[in-house]
Amino acid sequence: MLKELPPKTCSIDRLITRLEDVQLVIQGKKIASRRNGRYADPGEIMELDGKKFEVVKVYQQSLGELTDQDAQAEGFSTVDSYKEYILTLHPKMPWLPQMKVWVHEFRPIT
């Protein structure tokens, strides 16, 4: 049985907002986005530069569970490069292994 997700904390149009990230999604190099809150439901459609993407999976993960494969889904080669990017965006944010984030996985709609 699927566990019911809590209410969203933000809307899907805020999931991918940075131009560099939009380009990575369009190029197929970014297929996931981790956020402190839940921005989308599975099945929801996100539109970026006129292209549509369907959210296929939403779940929680702790930062300590991140693998290089997870970082690659975010458009980075390693967890360390992803962590460096996130801490540049949020310089006062602590990177705590037990901290939970929401993972939003998506795919292009053709």
PDB file of N, CA and C in Angstrom:
ATOM      1  N   MET A   1       0.835  -1.178   0.000  1.00  0.00           N
ATOM      2  CA  MET A   1       0.000   0.000   0.000  1.00  0.00           C
ATOM      3  C   MET A   1       0.886   1.250   0.000  1.00  0.00           C
ATOM      4  N   LEU A   2       0.545   2.224  -0.850  1.00  0.00           N
ATOM      5  CA  LEU A   2       1.306   3.459  -0.929  1.00  0.00           C
ATOM      6  C   LEU A   2       1.008   4.354   0.256  1.00  0.00           C
ATOM      7  N   LYS A   3       2.063   4.922   0.801  1.00  0.00           N
ATOM      8  CA  LYS A   3       1.910   5.849   1.903  1.00  0.00           C
ATOM      9  C   LYS A   3       1.444   7.195   1.337  1.00  0.00           C
ATOM     10  N   GLU A   4       0.437   7.789   1.955  1.00  0.00           N
ATOM     11  CA  GLU A   4      -0.068   9.073   1.486  1.00  0.00           C
ATOM     12  C   GLU A   4       0.955  10.170   1.760  1.00  0.00           C
ATOM     13  N   LEU A   5       1.129  11.043   0.789  1.00  0.00           N
ATOM     14  CA  LEU A   5       2.072  12.143   0.926  1.00  0.00           C
ATOM     15  C   LEU A   5       1.432  13.290   1.708  1.00  0.00           C
ATOM     16  N   PRO A   6       2.230  14.025   2.473  1.00  0.00           N
ATOM     17  CA  PRO A   6       1.694  15.192   3.171  1.00  0.00           C
ATOM     18  C   PRO A   6       1.366  16.301   2.158  1.00  0.00           C
ATOM     19  N   PRO A   7       0.657  17.334   2.582  1.00  0.00           N
ATOM     20  CA  PRO A   7       0.341  18.435   1.657  1.00  0.00           C
ATOM     21  C   PRO A   7       1.612  19.069   1.090  1.00  0.00           C
ATOM     22  N   LYS A   8       1.501  19.594  -0.113  1.00  0.00           N
ATOM     23  CA  LYS A   8       2.629  20.284  -0.734  1.00  0.00           C
ATOM     24  C   LYS A   8       2.918  21.564   0.043  1.00  0.00           C
ATOM     25  N   THR A   9       4.185  21.948   0.070  1.00  0.00           N
ATOM     26  CA  THR A   9       4.589  23.177   0.746  1.00  0.00           C
ATOM     27  C   THR A   9       4.832  24.306  -0.249  1.00  0.00           C
ATOM     28  N   CYS A  10       4.838  23.992  -1.533  1.00  0.00           N
ATOM     29  CA  CYS A  10       5.085  24.978  -2.578  1.00  0.00           C
ATOM     30  C   CYS A  10       4.473  24.437  -3.868  1.00  0.00           C
ATOM     31  N   SER A  11       4.448  25.253  -4.916  1.00  0.00           N
ATOM     32  CA  SER A  11       3.859  24.788  -6.180  1.00  0.00           C
ATOM     33  C   SER A  11       4.935  24.312  -7.149  1.00  0.00           C
ATOM     34  N   ILE A  12       4.520  23.490  -8.079  1.00  0.00           N
ATOM     35  CA  ILE A  12       5.447  22.861  -9.025  1.00  0.00           C
ATOM     36  C   ILE A  12       6.209  23.896  -9.853  1.00  0.00           C
ATOM     37  N   ASP A  13       5.614  25.050 -10.103  1.00  0.00           N
ATOM     38  CA  ASP A  13       6.305  26.069 -10.902  1.00  0.00           C
ATOM     39  C   ASP A  13       7.528  26.651 -10.186  1.00  0.00           C
ATOM     40  N   ARG A  14       7.715  26.351  -8.911  1.00  0.00           N
ATOM     41  CA  ARG A  14       8.888  26.793  -8.148  1.00  0.00           C
ATOM     42  C   ARG A  14       9.943  25.685  -8.019  1.00  0.00           C
ATOM     43  N   LEU A  15       9.673  24.509  -8.587  1.00  0.00           N
ATOM     44  CA  LEU A  15      10.590  23.371  -8.438  1.00  0.00           C
ATOM     45  C   LEU A  15      11.942  23.627  -9.115  1.00  0.00           C
ATOM     46  N   ILE A  16      11.925  24.063 -10.363  1.00  0.00           N
ATOM     47  CA  ILE A  16      13.151  24.342 -11.113  1.00  0.00           C
ATOM     48  C   ILE A  16      13.070  25.794 -11.568  1.00  0.00           C
ATOM     49  N   THR A  17      13.879  26.672 -10.981  1.00  0.00           N
ATOM     50  CA  THR A  17      13.784  28.091 -11.315  1.00  0.00           C
ATOM     51  C   THR A  17      15.096  28.693 -11.809  1.00  0.00           C
ATOM     52  N   ARG A  18      16.212  28.144 -11.409  1.00  0.00           N
ATOM     53  CA  ARG A  18      17.511  28.693 -11.833  1.00  0.00           C
ATOM     54  C   ARG A  18      17.773  28.344 -13.299  1.00  0.00           C
ATOM     55  N   LEU A  19      18.200  29.330 -14.080  1.00  0.00           N
ATOM     56  CA  LEU A  19      18.421  29.140 -15.513  1.00  0.00           C
ATOM     57  C   LEU A  19      19.352  27.964 -15.804  1.00  0.00           C
ATOM     58  N   GLU A  20      20.425  27.834 -15.004  1.00  0.00           N
ATOM     59  CA  GLU A  20      21.374  26.727 -15.229  1.00  0.00           C
ATOM     60  C   GLU A  20      20.677  25.371 -15.045  1.00  0.00           C
ATOM     61  N   ASP A  21      19.805  25.299 -14.050  1.00  0.00           N
ATOM     62  CA  ASP A  21      19.080  24.047 -13.796  1.00  0.00           C
ATOM     63  C   ASP A  21      18.060  23.765 -14.892  1.00  0.00           C
ATOM     64  N   VAL A  22      17.372  24.810 -15.359  1.00  0.00           N
ATOM     65  CA  VAL A  22      16.416  24.641 -16.464  1.00  0.00           C
ATOM     66  C   VAL A  22      17.138  24.052 -17.665  1.00  0.00           C
ATOM     67  N   GLN A  23      18.327  24.585 -17.986  1.00  0.00           N
ATOM     68  CA  GLN A  23      19.089  24.087 -19.128  1.00  0.00           C
ATOM     69  C   GLN A  23      19.497  22.627 -18.939  1.00  0.00           C
ATOM     70  N   LEU A  24      19.905  22.257 -17.729  1.00  0.00           N
ATOM     71  CA  LEU A  24      20.264  20.859 -17.461  1.00  0.00           C
ATOM     72  C   LEU A  24      19.063  19.931 -17.660  1.00  0.00           C
ATOM     73  N   VAL A  25      17.879  20.383 -17.254  1.00  0.00           N
ATOM     74  CA  VAL A  25      16.665  19.573 -17.444  1.00  0.00           C
ATOM     75  C   VAL A  25      16.370  19.432 -18.932  1.00  0.00           C
ATOM     76  N   ILE A  26      16.393  20.534 -19.660  1.00  0.00           N
ATOM     77  CA  ILE A  26      16.110  20.526 -21.103  1.00  0.00           C
ATOM     78  C   ILE A  26      17.082  19.589 -21.826  1.00  0.00           C
ATOM     79  N   GLN A  27      18.354  19.595 -21.402  1.00  0.00           N
ATOM     80  CA  GLN A  27      19.383  18.752 -22.030  1.00  0.00           C
ATOM     81  C   GLN A  27      19.304  17.289 -21.581  1.00  0.00           C
ATOM     82  N   GLY A  28      18.422  16.983 -20.630  1.00  0.00           N
ATOM     83  CA  GLY A  28      18.297  15.613 -20.144  1.00  0.00           C
ATOM     84  C   GLY A  28      19.352  15.221 -19.122  1.00  0.00           C
ATOM     85  N   LYS A  29      20.107  16.197 -18.612  1.00  0.00           N
ATOM     86  CA  LYS A  29      21.171  15.911 -17.650  1.00  0.00           C
ATOM     87  C   LYS A  29      20.695  15.985 -16.206  1.00  0.00           C
ATOM     88  N   LYS A  30      19.515  16.564 -15.987  1.00  0.00           N
ATOM     89  CA  LYS A  30      18.940  16.684 -14.645  1.00  0.00           C
ATOM     90  C   LYS A  30      17.545  16.073 -14.693  1.00  0.00           C
ATOM     91  N   ILE A  31      17.364  14.995 -13.927  1.00  0.00           N
ATOM     92  CA  ILE A  31      16.072  14.296 -13.936  1.00  0.00           C
ATOM     93  C   ILE A  31      15.482  14.190 -12.535  1.00  0.00           C
ATOM     94  N   ALA A  32      16.078  14.954 -11.595  1.00  0.00           N
ATOM     95  CA  ALA A  32      15.585  14.962 -10.219  1.00  0.00           C
ATOM     96  C   ALA A  32      15.910  16.300  -9.580  1.00  0.00           C
ATOM     97  N   SER A  33      15.104  16.661  -8.591  1.00  0.00           N
ATOM     98  CA  SER A  33      15.356  17.874  -7.831  1.00  0.00           C
ATOM     99  C   SER A  33      15.021  17.622  -6.370  1.00  0.00           C
ATOM    100  N   ARG A  34      15.958  17.953  -5.507  1.00  0.00           N
ATOM    101  CA  ARG A  34      15.768  17.807  -4.061  1.00  0.00           C
ATOM    102  C   ARG A  34      15.459  19.159  -3.458  1.00  0.00           C
ATOM    103  N   ARG A  35      14.438  19.181  -2.616  1.00  0.00           N
ATOM    104  CA  ARG A  35      14.002  20.420  -1.968  1.00  0.00           C
ATOM    105  C   ARG A  35      13.675  20.153  -0.515  1.00  0.00           C
ATOM    106  N   ASN A  36      13.700  21.209   0.304  1.00  0.00           N
ATOM    107  CA  ASN A  36      13.316  21.072   1.712  1.00  0.00           C
ATOM    108  C   ASN A  36      11.844  20.742   1.856  1.00  0.00           C
ATOM    109  N   GLY A  37      11.044  21.214   0.927  1.00  0.00           N
ATOM    110  CA  GLY A  37       9.604  20.968   0.962  1.00  0.00           C
ATOM    111  C   GLY A  37       9.158  20.122  -0.211  1.00  0.00           C
ATOM    112  N   ARG A  38       7.865  19.813  -0.206  1.00  0.00           N
ATOM    113  CA  ARG A  38       7.286  19.026  -1.293  1.00  0.00           C
ATOM    114  C   ARG A  38       6.619  19.981  -2.272  1.00  0.00           C
ATOM    115  N   TYR A  39       7.081  19.956  -3.531  1.00  0.00           N
ATOM    116  CA  TYR A  39       6.645  20.912  -4.540  1.00  0.00           C
ATOM    117  C   TYR A  39       5.691  20.312  -5.567  1.00  0.00           C
ATOM    118  N   ALA A  40       5.568  19.000  -5.606  1.00  0.00           N
ATOM    119  CA  ALA A  40       4.758  18.384  -6.661  1.00  0.00           C
ATOM    120  C   ALA A  40       4.223  17.030  -6.220  1.00  0.00           C
ATOM    121  N   ASP A  41       3.181  16.615  -6.907  1.00  0.00           N
ATOM    122  CA  ASP A  41       2.620  15.280  -6.744  1.00  0.00           C
ATOM    123  C   ASP A  41       3.023  14.441  -7.948  1.00  0.00           C
ATOM    124  N   PRO A  42       3.160  13.126  -7.774  1.00  0.00           N
ATOM    125  CA  PRO A  42       3.391  12.279  -8.944  1.00  0.00           C
ATOM    126  C   PRO A  42       2.255  12.498  -9.952  1.00  0.00           C
ATOM    127  N   GLY A  43       2.651  12.586 -11.228  1.00  0.00           N
ATOM    128  CA  GLY A  43       1.670  12.813 -12.290  1.00  0.00           C
ATOM    129  C   GLY A  43       1.516  14.276 -12.660  1.00  0.00           C
ATOM    130  N   GLU A  44       1.999  15.172 -11.824  1.00  0.00           N
ATOM    131  CA  GLU A  44       1.909  16.602 -12.132  1.00  0.00           C
ATOM    132  C   GLU A  44       2.861  16.948 -13.270  1.00  0.00           C
ATOM    133  N   ILE A  45       2.485  17.959 -14.060  1.00  0.00           N
ATOM    134  CA  ILE A  45       3.271  18.363 -15.224  1.00  0.00           C
ATOM    135  C   ILE A  45       3.961  19.700 -14.948  1.00  0.00           C
ATOM    136  N   MET A  46       5.241  19.743 -15.266  1.00  0.00           N
ATOM    137  CA  MET A  46       6.043  20.956 -15.136  1.00  0.00           C
ATOM    138  C   MET A  46       6.415  21.391 -16.552  1.00  0.00           C
ATOM    139  N   GLU A  47       6.328  22.699 -16.824  1.00  0.00           N
ATOM    140  CA  GLU A  47       6.705  23.200 -18.136  1.00  0.00           C
ATOM    141  C   GLU A  47       7.902  24.124 -18.006  1.00  0.00           C
ATOM    142  N   LEU A  48       8.939  23.838 -18.787  1.00  0.00           N
ATOM    143  CA  LEU A  48      10.166  24.637 -18.804  1.00  0.00           C
ATOM    144  C   LEU A  48      10.518  24.957 -20.244  1.00  0.00           C
ATOM    145  N   ASP A  49      10.631  26.232 -20.571  1.00  0.00           N
ATOM    146  CA  ASP A  49      10.964  26.664 -21.936  1.00  0.00           C
ATOM    147  C   ASP A  49      10.100  25.970 -22.990  1.00  0.00           C
ATOM    148  N   GLY A  50       8.816  25.834 -22.719  1.00  0.00           N
ATOM    149  CA  GLY A  50       7.890  25.247 -23.683  1.00  0.00           C
ATOM    150  C   GLY A  50       7.922  23.732 -23.757  1.00  0.00           C
ATOM    151  N   LYS A  51       8.756  23.088 -22.957  1.00  0.00           N
ATOM    152  CA  LYS A  51       8.822  21.621 -22.929  1.00  0.00           C
ATOM    153  C   LYS A  51       8.167  21.138 -21.640  1.00  0.00           C
ATOM    154  N   LYS A  52       7.517  19.979 -21.737  1.00  0.00           N
ATOM    155  CA  LYS A  52       6.788  19.450 -20.583  1.00  0.00           C
ATOM    156  C   LYS A  52       7.498  18.241 -19.978  1.00  0.00           C
ATOM    157  N   PHE A  53       7.410  18.178 -18.648  1.00  0.00           N
ATOM    158  CA  PHE A  53       8.031  17.106 -17.874  1.00  0.00           C
ATOM    159  C   PHE A  53       7.027  16.621 -16.848  1.00  0.00           C
ATOM    160  N   GLU A  54       6.933  15.305 -16.709  1.00  0.00           N
ATOM    161  CA  GLU A  54       6.008  14.714 -15.745  1.00  0.00           C
ATOM    162  C   GLU A  54       6.774  14.257 -14.512  1.00  0.00           C
ATOM    163  N   VAL A  55       6.261  14.636 -13.349  1.00  0.00           N
ATOM    164  CA  VAL A  55       6.832  14.163 -12.093  1.00  0.00           C
ATOM    165  C   VAL A  55       6.395  12.702 -11.950  1.00  0.00           C
ATOM    166  N   VAL A  56       7.363  11.800 -11.830  1.00  0.00           N
ATOM    167  CA  VAL A  56       7.043  10.372 -11.773  1.00  0.00           C
ATOM    168  C   VAL A  56       7.180   9.777 -10.378  1.00  0.00           C
ATOM    169  N   LYS A  57       7.959  10.445  -9.515  1.00  0.00           N
ATOM    170  CA  LYS A  57       8.188   9.893  -8.181  1.00  0.00           C
ATOM    171  C   LYS A  57       8.496  11.026  -7.215  1.00  0.00           C
ATOM    172  N   VAL A  58       7.926  10.949  -6.011  1.00  0.00           N
ATOM    173  CA  VAL A  58       8.195  11.930  -4.953  1.00  0.00           C
ATOM    174  C   VAL A  58       8.387  11.153  -3.660  1.00  0.00           C
ATOM    175  N   TYR A  59       9.541  11.366  -3.001  1.00  0.00           N
ATOM    176  CA  TYR A  59       9.825  10.642  -1.764  1.00  0.00           C
ATOM    177  C   TYR A  59      10.849  11.413  -0.940  1.00  0.00           C
ATOM    178  N   GLN A  60      10.985  11.035   0.320  1.00  0.00           N
ATOM    179  CA  GLN A  60      11.979  11.665   1.185  1.00  0.00           C
ATOM    180  C   GLN A  60      13.266  10.848   1.221  1.00  0.00           C
ATOM    181  N   GLN A  61      14.372  11.564   1.429  1.00  0.00           N
ATOM    182  CA  GLN A  61      15.685  10.955   1.507  1.00  0.00           C
ATOM    183  C   GLN A  61      16.539  11.819   2.441  1.00  0.00           C
ATOM    184  N   SER A  62      17.403  11.192   3.215  1.00  0.00           N
ATOM    185  CA  SER A  62      18.308  11.993   4.046  1.00  0.00           C
ATOM    186  C   SER A  62      19.551  12.329   3.227  1.00  0.00           C
ATOM    187  N   LEU A  63      20.170  13.459   3.556  1.00  0.00           N
ATOM    188  CA  LEU A  63      21.378  13.871   2.830  1.00  0.00           C
ATOM    189  C   LEU A  63      22.484  12.832   2.952  1.00  0.00           C
ATOM    190  N   GLY A  64      22.528  12.130   4.072  1.00  0.00           N
ATOM    191  CA  GLY A  64      23.535  11.098   4.269  1.00  0.00           C
ATOM    192  C   GLY A  64      23.350   9.882   3.371  1.00  0.00           C
ATOM    193  N   GLU A  65      22.167   9.726   2.792  1.00  0.00           N
ATOM    194  CA  GLU A  65      21.886   8.594   1.893  1.00  0.00           C
ATOM    195  C   GLU A  65      22.273   8.880   0.442  1.00  0.00           C
ATOM    196  N   LEU A  66      22.589  10.133   0.119  1.00  0.00           N
ATOM    197  CA  LEU A  66      22.892  10.492  -1.263  1.00  0.00           C
ATOM    198  C   LEU A  66      24.067   9.702  -1.799  1.00  0.00           C
ATOM    199  N   THR A  67      23.928   9.238  -3.023  1.00  0.00           N
ATOM    200  CA  THR A  67      24.993   8.527  -3.731  1.00  0.00           C
ATOM    201  C   THR A  67      25.436   9.364  -4.929  1.00  0.00           C
ATOM    202  N   ASP A  68      26.538   8.981  -5.531  1.00  0.00           N
ATOM    203  CA  ASP A  68      26.963   9.667  -6.751  1.00  0.00           C
ATOM    204  C   ASP A  68      25.899   9.535  -7.838  1.00  0.00           C
ATOM    205  N   GLN A  69      25.185   8.414  -7.871  1.00  0.00           N
ATOM    206  CA  GLN A  69      24.104   8.236  -8.853  1.00  0.00           C
ATOM    207  C   GLN A  69      22.997   9.267  -8.610  1.00  0.00           C
ATOM    208  N   ASP A  70      22.670   9.534  -7.337  1.00  0.00           N
ATOM    209  CA  ASP A  70      21.682  10.570  -7.010  1.00  0.00           C
ATOM    210  C   ASP A  70      22.177  11.938  -7.492  1.00  0.00           C
ATOM    211  N   ALA A  71      23.453  12.225  -7.253  1.00  0.00           N
ATOM    212  CA  ALA A  71      24.033  13.503  -7.679  1.00  0.00           C
ATOM    213  C   ALA A  71      23.982  13.631  -9.201  1.00  0.00           C
ATOM    214  N   GLN A  72      24.221  12.526  -9.913  1.00  0.00           N
ATOM    215  CA  GLN A  72      24.164  12.548 -11.375  1.00  0.00           C
ATOM    216  C   GLN A  72      22.743  12.836 -11.864  1.00  0.00           C
ATOM    217  N   ALA A  73      21.727  12.344 -11.153  1.00  0.00           N
ATOM    218  CA  ALA A  73      20.336  12.641 -11.511  1.00  0.00           C
ATOM    219  C   ALA A  73      20.041  14.130 -11.323  1.00  0.00           C
ATOM    220  N   GLU A  74      20.834  14.788 -10.476  1.00  0.00           N
ATOM    221  CA  GLU A  74      20.699  16.229 -10.231  1.00  0.00           C
ATOM    222  C   GLU A  74      21.547  17.053 -11.212  1.00  0.00           C
ATOM    223  N   GLY A  75      22.339  16.362 -12.047  1.00  0.00           N
ATOM    224  CA  GLY A  75      23.168  17.049 -13.032  1.00  0.00           C
ATOM    225  C   GLY A  75      24.613  17.260 -12.601  1.00  0.00           C
ATOM    226  N   PHE A  76      25.047  16.559 -11.555  1.00  0.00           N
ATOM    227  CA  PHE A  76      26.410  16.689 -11.036  1.00  0.00           C
ATOM    228  C   PHE A  76      27.110  15.334 -11.110  1.00  0.00           C
ATOM    229  N   SER A  77      28.441  15.345 -11.117  1.00  0.00           N
ATOM    230  CA  SER A  77      29.162  14.081 -11.259  1.00  0.00           C
ATOM    231  C   SER A  77      29.289  13.315  -9.948  1.00  0.00           C
ATOM    232  N   THR A  78      29.372  14.057  -8.824  1.00  0.00           N
ATOM    233  CA  THR A  78      29.565  13.403  -7.527  1.00  0.00           C
ATOM    234  C   THR A  78      28.721  14.084  -6.452  1.00  0.00           C
ATOM    235  N   VAL A  79      28.561  13.399  -5.334  1.00  0.00           N
ATOM    236  CA  VAL A  79      27.859  13.989  -4.189  1.00  0.00           C
ATOM    237  C   VAL A  79      28.595  15.253  -3.737  1.00  0.00           C
ATOM    238  N   ASP A  80      29.930  15.216  -3.725  1.00  0.00           N
ATOM    239  CA  ASP A  80      30.694  16.383  -3.286  1.00  0.00           C
ATOM    240  C   ASP A  80      30.434  17.608  -4.172  1.00  0.00           C
ATOM    241  N   SER A  81      30.360  17.407  -5.484  1.00  0.00           N
ATOM    242  CA  SER A  81      30.099  18.553  -6.370  1.00  0.00           C
ATOM    243  C   SER A  81      28.668  19.062  -6.191  1.00  0.00           C
ATOM    244  N   TYR A  82      27.726  18.169  -5.966  1.00  0.00           N
ATOM    245  CA  TYR A  82      26.340  18.576  -5.693  1.00  0.00           C
ATOM    246  C   TYR A  82      26.270  19.344  -4.373  1.00  0.00           C
ATOM    247  N   LYS A  83      26.925  18.831  -3.340  1.00  0.00           N
ATOM    248  CA  LYS A  83      26.934  19.474  -2.021  1.00  0.00           C
ATOM    249  C   LYS A  83      27.530  20.886  -2.122  1.00  0.00           C
ATOM    250  N   GLU A  84      28.639  21.021  -2.843  1.00  0.00           N
ATOM    251  CA  GLU A  84      29.282  22.324  -3.020  1.00  0.00           C
ATOM    252  C   GLU A  84      28.323  23.323  -3.676  1.00  0.00           C
ATOM    253  N   TYR A  85      27.598  22.861  -4.690  1.00  0.00           N
ATOM    254  CA  TYR A  85      26.618  23.707  -5.387  1.00  0.00           C
ATOM    255  C   TYR A  85      25.507  24.149  -4.433  1.00  0.00           C
ATOM    256  N   ILE A  86      24.946  23.222  -3.684  1.00  0.00           N
ATOM    257  CA  ILE A  86      23.845  23.526  -2.762  1.00  0.00           C
ATOM    258  C   ILE A  86      24.308  24.509  -1.689  1.00  0.00           C
ATOM    259  N   LEU A  87      25.494  24.301  -1.144  1.00  0.00           N
ATOM    260  CA  LEU A  87      25.983  25.185  -0.092  1.00  0.00           C
ATOM    261  C   LEU A  87      26.368  26.565  -0.633  1.00  0.00           C
ATOM    262  N   THR A  88      26.642  26.674  -1.927  1.00  0.00           N
ATOM    263  CA  THR A  88      26.859  27.976  -2.552  1.00  0.00           C
ATOM    264  C   THR A  88      25.529  28.729  -2.637  1.00  0.00           C
ATOM    265  N   LEU A  89      24.455  28.003  -2.947  1.00  0.00           N
ATOM    266  CA  LEU A  89      23.122  28.617  -3.022  1.00  0.00           C
ATOM    267  C   LEU A  89      22.592  28.987  -1.641  1.00  0.00           C
ATOM    268  N   HIS A  90      22.902  28.149  -0.653  1.00  0.00           N
ATOM    269  CA  HIS A  90      22.395  28.320   0.715  1.00  0.00           C
ATOM    270  C   HIS A  90      23.580  28.314   1.685  1.00  0.00           C
ATOM    271  N   PRO A  91      24.357  29.405   1.720  1.00  0.00           N
ATOM    272  CA  PRO A  91      25.597  29.409   2.501  1.00  0.00           C
ATOM    273  C   PRO A  91      25.419  29.194   4.008  1.00  0.00           C
ATOM    274  N   LYS A  92      24.284  29.521   4.553  1.00  0.00           N
ATOM    275  CA  LYS A  92      24.082  29.338   5.999  1.00  0.00           C
ATOM    276  C   LYS A  92      23.467  27.978   6.340  1.00  0.00           C
ATOM    277  N   MET A  93      23.144  27.190   5.314  1.00  0.00           N
ATOM    278  CA  MET A  93      22.510  25.893   5.545  1.00  0.00           C
ATOM    279  C   MET A  93      23.545  24.864   6.005  1.00  0.00           C
ATOM    280  N   PRO A  94      23.281  24.195   7.107  1.00  0.00           N
ATOM    281  CA  PRO A  94      24.197  23.110   7.486  1.00  0.00           C
ATOM    282  C   PRO A  94      23.913  21.879   6.618  1.00  0.00           C
ATOM    283  N   TRP A  95      24.931  21.134   6.290  1.00  0.00           N
ATOM    284  CA  TRP A  95      24.767  19.878   5.539  1.00  0.00           C
ATOM    285  C   TRP A  95      24.811  18.762   6.576  1.00  0.00           C
ATOM    286  N   LEU A  96      23.657  18.365   7.052  1.00  0.00           N
ATOM    287  CA  LEU A  96      23.573  17.349   8.095  1.00  0.00           C
ATOM    288  C   LEU A  96      23.134  16.024   7.500  1.00  0.00           C
ATOM    289  N   PRO A  97      23.888  14.953   7.704  1.00  0.00           N
ATOM    290  CA  PRO A  97      23.542  13.654   7.112  1.00  0.00           C
ATOM    291  C   PRO A  97      22.110  13.201   7.425  1.00  0.00           C
ATOM    292  N   GLN A  98      21.593  13.546   8.598  1.00  0.00           N
ATOM    293  CA  GLN A  98      20.250  13.105   8.974  1.00  0.00           C
ATOM    294  C   GLN A  98      19.145  14.016   8.425  1.00  0.00           C
ATOM    295  N   MET A  99      19.511  15.163   7.840  1.00  0.00           N
ATOM    296  CA  MET A  99      18.518  16.101   7.317  1.00  0.00           C
ATOM    297  C   MET A  99      17.765  15.468   6.144  1.00  0.00           C
ATOM    298  N   LYS A 100      16.435  15.518   6.222  1.00  0.00           N
ATOM    299  CA  LYS A 100      15.593  14.935   5.170  1.00  0.00           C
ATOM    300  C   LYS A 100      15.237  15.991   4.136  1.00  0.00           C
ATOM    301  N   VAL A 101      15.249  15.576   2.888  1.00  0.00           N
ATOM    302  CA  VAL A 101      14.815  16.421   1.775  1.00  0.00           C
ATOM    303  C   VAL A 101      13.790  15.646   0.956  1.00  0.00           C
ATOM    304  N   TRP A 102      13.018  16.381   0.178  1.00  0.00           N
ATOM    305  CA  TRP A 102      12.050  15.754  -0.730  1.00  0.00           C
ATOM    306  C   TRP A 102      12.681  15.615  -2.105  1.00  0.00           C
ATOM    307  N   VAL A 103      12.629  14.417  -2.651  1.00  0.00           N
ATOM    308  CA  VAL A 103      13.157  14.135  -3.986  1.00  0.00           C
ATOM    309  C   VAL A 103      11.984  14.127  -4.958  1.00  0.00           C
ATOM    310  N   HIS A 104      12.130  14.881  -6.039  1.00  0.00           N
ATOM    311  CA  HIS A 104      11.130  14.926  -7.108  1.00  0.00           C
ATOM    312  C   HIS A 104      11.820  14.403  -8.365  1.00  0.00           C
ATOM    313  N   GLU A 105      11.419  13.241  -8.847  1.00  0.00           N
ATOM    314  CA  GLU A 105      11.997  12.690 -10.080  1.00  0.00           C
ATOM    315  C   GLU A 105      11.013  12.951 -11.206  1.00  0.00           C
ATOM    316  N   PHE A 106      11.546  13.295 -12.376  1.00  0.00           N
ATOM    317  CA  PHE A 106      10.678  13.652 -13.512  1.00  0.00           C
ATOM    318  C   PHE A 106      11.267  13.130 -14.814  1.00  0.00           C
ATOM    319  N   ARG A 107      10.422  13.125 -15.839  1.00  0.00           N
ATOM    320  CA  ARG A 107      10.830  12.667 -17.170  1.00  0.00           C
ATOM    321  C   ARG A 107      10.190  13.561 -18.209  1.00  0.00           C
ATOM    322  N   PRO A 108      10.847  13.697 -19.367  1.00  0.00           N
ATOM    323  CA  PRO A 108      10.242  14.524 -20.432  1.00  0.00           C
ATOM    324  C   PRO A 108       8.994  13.838 -21.008  1.00  0.00           C
ATOM    325  N   ILE A 109       8.058  14.650 -21.406  1.00  0.00           N
ATOM    326  CA  ILE A 109       6.871  14.132 -22.105  1.00  0.00           C
ATOM    327  C   ILE A 109       7.082  14.437 -23.574  1.00  0.00           C
ATOM    328  N   THR A 110       7.058  13.403 -24.385  1.00  0.00           N
ATOM    329  CA  THR A 110       7.317  13.606 -25.818  1.00  0.00           C
ATOM    330  C   THR A 110       6.045  13.525 -26.627  1.00  0.00           C
TER     331      THR A 110
END
